[in-house]
């Protein structure tokens, strides 16, 4: 969400502007990226024979 104070020509504040954005797509993409990274790290550990991960 973005906020801005709206000022009158003489400089006094007269209002507030709020602009919401839907970030659902970005959130889902980030979650998928983290999931894929976790899978790749697990696969790498398995290929290396690292049983501690």
PDB file of N, CA and C in Angstrom:
ATOM      1  N   UNK A   1       0.847  -1.154   0.000  1.00  0.00           N
ATOM      2  CA  UNK A   1       0.000   0.000   0.000  1.00  0.00           C
ATOM      3  C   UNK A   1       0.905   1.231   0.000  1.00  0.00           C
ATOM      4  N   UNK A   2       0.530   2.193  -0.804  1.00  0.00           N
ATOM      5  CA  UNK A   2       1.267   3.450  -0.907  1.00  0.00           C
ATOM      6  C   UNK A   2       0.410   4.570  -0.321  1.00  0.00           C
ATOM      7  N   UNK A   3       1.037   5.438   0.457  1.00  0.00           N
ATOM      8  CA  UNK A   3       0.334   6.566   1.067  1.00  0.00           C
ATOM      9  C   UNK A   3       0.986   7.869   0.645  1.00  0.00           C
ATOM     10  N   UNK A   4       0.191   8.935   0.563  1.00  0.00           N
ATOM     11  CA  UNK A   4       0.701  10.285   0.281  1.00  0.00           C
ATOM     12  C   UNK A   4      -0.210  11.293   0.951  1.00  0.00           C
ATOM     13  N   UNK A   5       0.388  12.350   1.456  1.00  0.00           N
ATOM     14  CA  UNK A   5      -0.382  13.444   2.050  1.00  0.00           C
ATOM     15  C   UNK A   5      -0.670  14.462   0.946  1.00  0.00           C
ATOM     16  N   UNK A   6      -1.929  14.875   0.835  1.00  0.00           N
ATOM     17  CA  UNK A   6      -2.347  15.859  -0.155  1.00  0.00           C
ATOM     18  C   UNK A   6      -2.321  17.233   0.514  1.00  0.00           C
ATOM     19  N   UNK A   7      -1.622  18.168  -0.120  1.00  0.00           N
ATOM     20  CA  UNK A   7      -1.473  19.513   0.442  1.00  0.00           C
ATOM     21  C   UNK A   7      -2.247  20.539  -0.383  1.00  0.00           C
ATOM     22  N   UNK A   8      -2.756  21.542   0.296  1.00  0.00           N
ATOM     23  CA  UNK A   8      -3.390  22.686  -0.366  1.00  0.00           C
ATOM     24  C   UNK A   8      -2.279  23.541  -0.986  1.00  0.00           C
ATOM     25  N   UNK A   9      -2.629  24.423  -1.923  1.00  0.00           N
ATOM     26  CA  UNK A   9      -1.607  25.266  -2.555  1.00  0.00           C
ATOM     27  C   UNK A   9      -0.735  26.038  -1.563  1.00  0.00           C
ATOM     28  N   UNK A  10      -1.296  26.419  -0.411  1.00  0.00           N
ATOM     29  CA  UNK A  10      -0.486  27.155   0.573  1.00  0.00           C
ATOM     30  C   UNK A  10       0.369  26.233   1.438  1.00  0.00           C
ATOM     31  N   UNK A  11       0.222  24.904   1.248  1.00  0.00           N
ATOM     32  CA  UNK A  11       1.086  23.954   1.937  1.00  0.00           C
ATOM     33  C   UNK A  11       0.472  23.202   3.094  1.00  0.00           C
ATOM     34  N   UNK A  12      -0.716  23.560   3.516  1.00  0.00           N
ATOM     35  CA  UNK A  12      -1.323  22.846   4.640  1.00  0.00           C
ATOM     36  C   UNK A  12      -1.905  21.509   4.164  1.00  0.00           C
ATOM     37  N   UNK A  13      -1.799  20.480   4.996  1.00  0.00           N
ATOM     38  CA  UNK A  13      -2.345  19.175   4.600  1.00  0.00           C
ATOM     39  C   UNK A  13      -3.871  19.214   4.558  1.00  0.00           C
ATOM     40  N   UNK A  14      -4.445  18.648   3.507  1.00  0.00           N
ATOM     41  CA  UNK A  14      -5.904  18.637   3.370  1.00  0.00           C
ATOM     42  C   UNK A  14      -6.465  17.227   3.228  1.00  0.00           C
ATOM     43  N   UNK A  15      -5.596  16.244   3.079  1.00  0.00           N
ATOM     44  CA  UNK A  15      -6.105  14.892   2.916  1.00  0.00           C
ATOM     45  C   UNK A  15      -4.992  13.868   2.794  1.00  0.00           C
ATOM     46  N   UNK A  16      -5.412  12.642   2.665  1.00  0.00           N
ATOM     47  CA  UNK A  16      -4.498  11.518   2.551  1.00  0.00           C
ATOM     48  C   UNK A  16      -4.912  10.677   1.358  1.00  0.00           C
ATOM     49  N   UNK A  17      -3.945  10.236   0.606  1.00  0.00           N
ATOM     50  CA  UNK A  17      -4.193   9.381  -0.547  1.00  0.00           C
ATOM     51  C   UNK A  17      -3.606   8.013  -0.243  1.00  0.00           C
ATOM     52  N   UNK A  18      -4.404   6.962  -0.403  1.00  0.00           N
ATOM     53  CA  UNK A  18      -3.940   5.592  -0.194  1.00  0.00           C
ATOM     54  C   UNK A  18      -4.198   4.803  -1.472  1.00  0.00           C
ATOM     55  N   UNK A  19      -3.173   4.070  -1.903  1.00  0.00           N
ATOM     56  CA  UNK A  19      -3.293   3.297  -3.137  1.00  0.00           C
ATOM     57  C   UNK A  19      -2.928   1.840  -2.851  1.00  0.00           C
ATOM     58  N   UNK A  20      -3.935   0.975  -2.688  1.00  0.00           N
ATOM     59  CA  UNK A  20      -3.643  -0.439  -2.438  1.00  0.00           C
ATOM     60  C   UNK A  20      -3.290  -1.158  -3.744  1.00  0.00           C
ATOM     61  N   UNK A  21      -2.424  -2.158  -3.633  1.00  0.00           N
ATOM     62  CA  UNK A  21      -2.075  -2.976  -4.792  1.00  0.00           C
ATOM     63  C   UNK A  21      -2.253  -4.443  -4.429  1.00  0.00           C
ATOM     64  N   UNK A  22      -2.739  -5.220  -5.373  1.00  0.00           N
ATOM     65  CA  UNK A  22      -2.890  -6.655  -5.171  1.00  0.00           C
ATOM     66  C   UNK A  22      -1.557  -7.320  -5.486  1.00  0.00           C
ATOM     67  N   UNK A  23      -0.915  -7.888  -4.465  1.00  0.00           N
ATOM     68  CA  UNK A  23       0.384  -8.535  -4.662  1.00  0.00           C
ATOM     69  C   UNK A  23       0.268 -10.054  -4.576  1.00  0.00           C
ATOM     70  N   UNK A  24      -0.939 -10.576  -4.763  1.00  0.00           N
ATOM     71  CA  UNK A  24      -1.162 -12.013  -4.670  1.00  0.00           C
ATOM     72  C   UNK A  24      -0.257 -12.773  -5.624  1.00  0.00           C
ATOM     73  N   UNK A  25      -0.161 -12.325  -6.866  1.00  0.00           N
ATOM     74  CA  UNK A  25       0.676 -13.021  -7.847  1.00  0.00           C
ATOM     75  C   UNK A  25       2.127 -13.050  -7.434  1.00  0.00           C
ATOM     76  N   UNK A  26       2.619 -11.923  -6.955  1.00  0.00           N
ATOM     77  CA  UNK A  26       4.020 -11.856  -6.511  1.00  0.00           C
ATOM     78  C   UNK A  26       4.244 -12.767  -5.308  1.00  0.00           C
ATOM     79  N   UNK A  27       3.306 -12.746  -4.353  1.00  0.00           N
ATOM     80  CA  UNK A  27       3.415 -13.591  -3.171  1.00  0.00           C
ATOM     81  C   UNK A  27       3.456 -15.065  -3.567  1.00  0.00           C
ATOM     82  N   UNK A  28       2.578 -15.473  -4.459  1.00  0.00           N
ATOM     83  CA  UNK A  28       2.539 -16.871  -4.896  1.00  0.00           C
ATOM     84  C   UNK A  28       3.812 -17.251  -5.640  1.00  0.00           C
ATOM     85  N   UNK A  29       4.325 -16.362  -6.468  1.00  0.00           N
ATOM     86  CA  UNK A  29       5.575 -16.625  -7.190  1.00  0.00           C
ATOM     87  C   UNK A  29       6.737 -16.789  -6.212  1.00  0.00           C
ATOM     88  N   UNK A  30       6.814 -15.893  -5.219  1.00  0.00           N
ATOM     89  CA  UNK A  30       7.877 -15.992  -4.213  1.00  0.00           C
ATOM     90  C   UNK A  30       7.775 -17.296  -3.431  1.00  0.00           C
ATOM     91  N   UNK A  31       6.571 -17.683  -3.074  1.00  0.00           N
ATOM     92  CA  UNK A  31       6.377 -18.933  -2.333  1.00  0.00           C
ATOM     93  C   UNK A  31       6.814 -20.126  -3.171  1.00  0.00           C
ATOM     94  N   UNK A  32       6.456 -20.129  -4.452  1.00  0.00           N
ATOM     95  CA  UNK A  32       6.860 -21.216  -5.350  1.00  0.00           C
ATOM     96  C   UNK A  32       8.381 -21.245  -5.507  1.00  0.00           C
ATOM     97  N   UNK A  33       9.008 -20.076  -5.596  1.00  0.00           N
ATOM     98  CA  UNK A  33      10.465 -20.007  -5.719  1.00  0.00           C
ATOM     99  C   UNK A  33      11.133 -20.577  -4.475  1.00  0.00           C
ATOM    100  N   UNK A  34      10.631 -20.238  -3.293  1.00  0.00           N
ATOM    101  CA  UNK A  34      11.192 -20.784  -2.046  1.00  0.00           C
ATOM    102  C   UNK A  34      11.008 -22.290  -1.975  1.00  0.00           C
ATOM    103  N   UNK A  35       9.844 -22.777  -2.408  1.00  0.00           N
ATOM    104  CA  UNK A  35       9.580 -24.223  -2.406  1.00  0.00           C
ATOM    105  C   UNK A  35      10.546 -24.944  -3.328  1.00  0.00           C
ATOM    106  N   UNK A  36      10.742 -24.394  -4.520  1.00  0.00           N
ATOM    107  CA  UNK A  36      11.639 -25.019  -5.502  1.00  0.00           C
ATOM    108  C   UNK A  36      13.086 -24.996  -5.005  1.00  0.00           C
ATOM    109  N   UNK A  37      13.501 -23.905  -4.386  1.00  0.00           N
ATOM    110  CA  UNK A  37      14.847 -23.827  -3.828  1.00  0.00           C
ATOM    111  C   UNK A  37      15.042 -24.887  -2.756  1.00  0.00           C
ATOM    112  N   UNK A  38      14.054 -25.051  -1.881  1.00  0.00           N
ATOM    113  CA  UNK A  38      14.133 -26.067  -0.834  1.00  0.00           C
ATOM    114  C   UNK A  38      14.269 -27.464  -1.449  1.00  0.00           C
ATOM    115  N   UNK A  39      13.483 -27.748  -2.503  1.00  0.00           N
ATOM    116  CA  UNK A  39      13.572 -29.042  -3.177  1.00  0.00           C
ATOM    117  C   UNK A  39      14.963 -29.257  -3.766  1.00  0.00           C
ATOM    118  N   UNK A  40      15.503 -28.232  -4.425  1.00  0.00           N
ATOM    119  CA  UNK A  40      16.823 -28.365  -5.039  1.00  0.00           C
ATOM    120  C   UNK A  40      17.919 -28.551  -3.991  1.00  0.00           C
ATOM    121  N   UNK A  41      17.809 -27.839  -2.863  1.00  0.00           N
ATOM    122  CA  UNK A  41      18.784 -28.015  -1.790  1.00  0.00           C
ATOM    123  C   UNK A  41      18.719 -29.421  -1.217  1.00  0.00           C
ATOM    124  N   UNK A  42      17.522 -29.967  -1.064  1.00  0.00           N
ATOM    125  CA  UNK A  42      17.366 -31.330  -0.571  1.00  0.00           C
ATOM    126  C   UNK A  42      17.937 -32.333  -1.565  1.00  0.00           C
ATOM    127  N   UNK A  43      17.690 -32.115  -2.845  1.00  0.00           N
ATOM    128  CA  UNK A  43      18.225 -33.011  -3.867  1.00  0.00           C
ATOM    129  C   UNK A  43      19.750 -32.955  -3.899  1.00  0.00           C
ATOM    130  N   UNK A  44      20.313 -31.764  -3.797  1.00  0.00           N
ATOM    131  CA  UNK A  44      21.767 -31.620  -3.768  1.00  0.00           C
ATOM    132  C   UNK A  44      22.364 -32.340  -2.561  1.00  0.00           C
ATOM    133  N   UNK A  45      21.743 -32.166  -1.410  1.00  0.00           N
ATOM    134  CA  UNK A  45      22.213 -32.848  -0.199  1.00  0.00           C
ATOM    135  C   UNK A  45      22.157 -34.355  -0.384  1.00  0.00           C
ATOM    136  N   UNK A  46      21.074 -34.836  -0.995  1.00  0.00           N
ATOM    137  CA  UNK A  46      20.931 -36.278  -1.237  1.00  0.00           C
ATOM    138  C   UNK A  46      22.015 -36.773  -2.185  1.00  0.00           C
ATOM    139  N   UNK A  47      22.277 -36.035  -3.248  1.00  0.00           N
ATOM    140  CA  UNK A  47      23.294 -36.432  -4.219  1.00  0.00           C
ATOM    141  C   UNK A  47      24.692 -36.418  -3.620  1.00  0.00           C
ATOM    142  N   UNK A  48      24.928 -35.509  -2.695  1.00  0.00           N
ATOM    143  CA  UNK A  48      26.215 -35.452  -2.020  1.00  0.00           C
ATOM    144  C   UNK A  48      26.349 -36.505  -0.940  1.00  0.00           C
ATOM    145  N   UNK A  49      25.227 -37.113  -0.569  1.00  0.00           N
ATOM    146  CA  UNK A  49      25.240 -38.088   0.488  1.00  0.00           C
ATOM    147  C   UNK A  49      25.217 -37.476   1.865  1.00  0.00           C
ATOM    148  N   UNK A  50      24.752 -36.254   1.949  1.00  0.00           N
ATOM    149  CA  UNK A  50      24.688 -35.522   3.212  1.00  0.00           C
ATOM    150  C   UNK A  50      23.399 -35.905   3.926  1.00  0.00           C
ATOM    151  N   UNK A  51      23.512 -36.783   4.909  1.00  0.00           N
ATOM    152  CA  UNK A  51      22.328 -37.258   5.629  1.00  0.00           C
ATOM    153  C   UNK A  51      21.918 -36.315   6.743  1.00  0.00           C
ATOM    154  N   UNK A  52      22.694 -35.264   6.997  1.00  0.00           N
ATOM    155  CA  UNK A  52      22.359 -34.368   8.104  1.00  0.00           C
ATOM    156  C   UNK A  52      21.314 -33.332   7.707  1.00  0.00           C
ATOM    157  N   UNK A  53      21.027 -33.148   6.437  1.00  0.00           N
ATOM    158  CA  UNK A  53      20.045 -32.139   6.021  1.00  0.00           C
ATOM    159  C   UNK A  53      18.702 -32.736   5.861  1.00  0.00           C
TER     160      UNK A  53
END
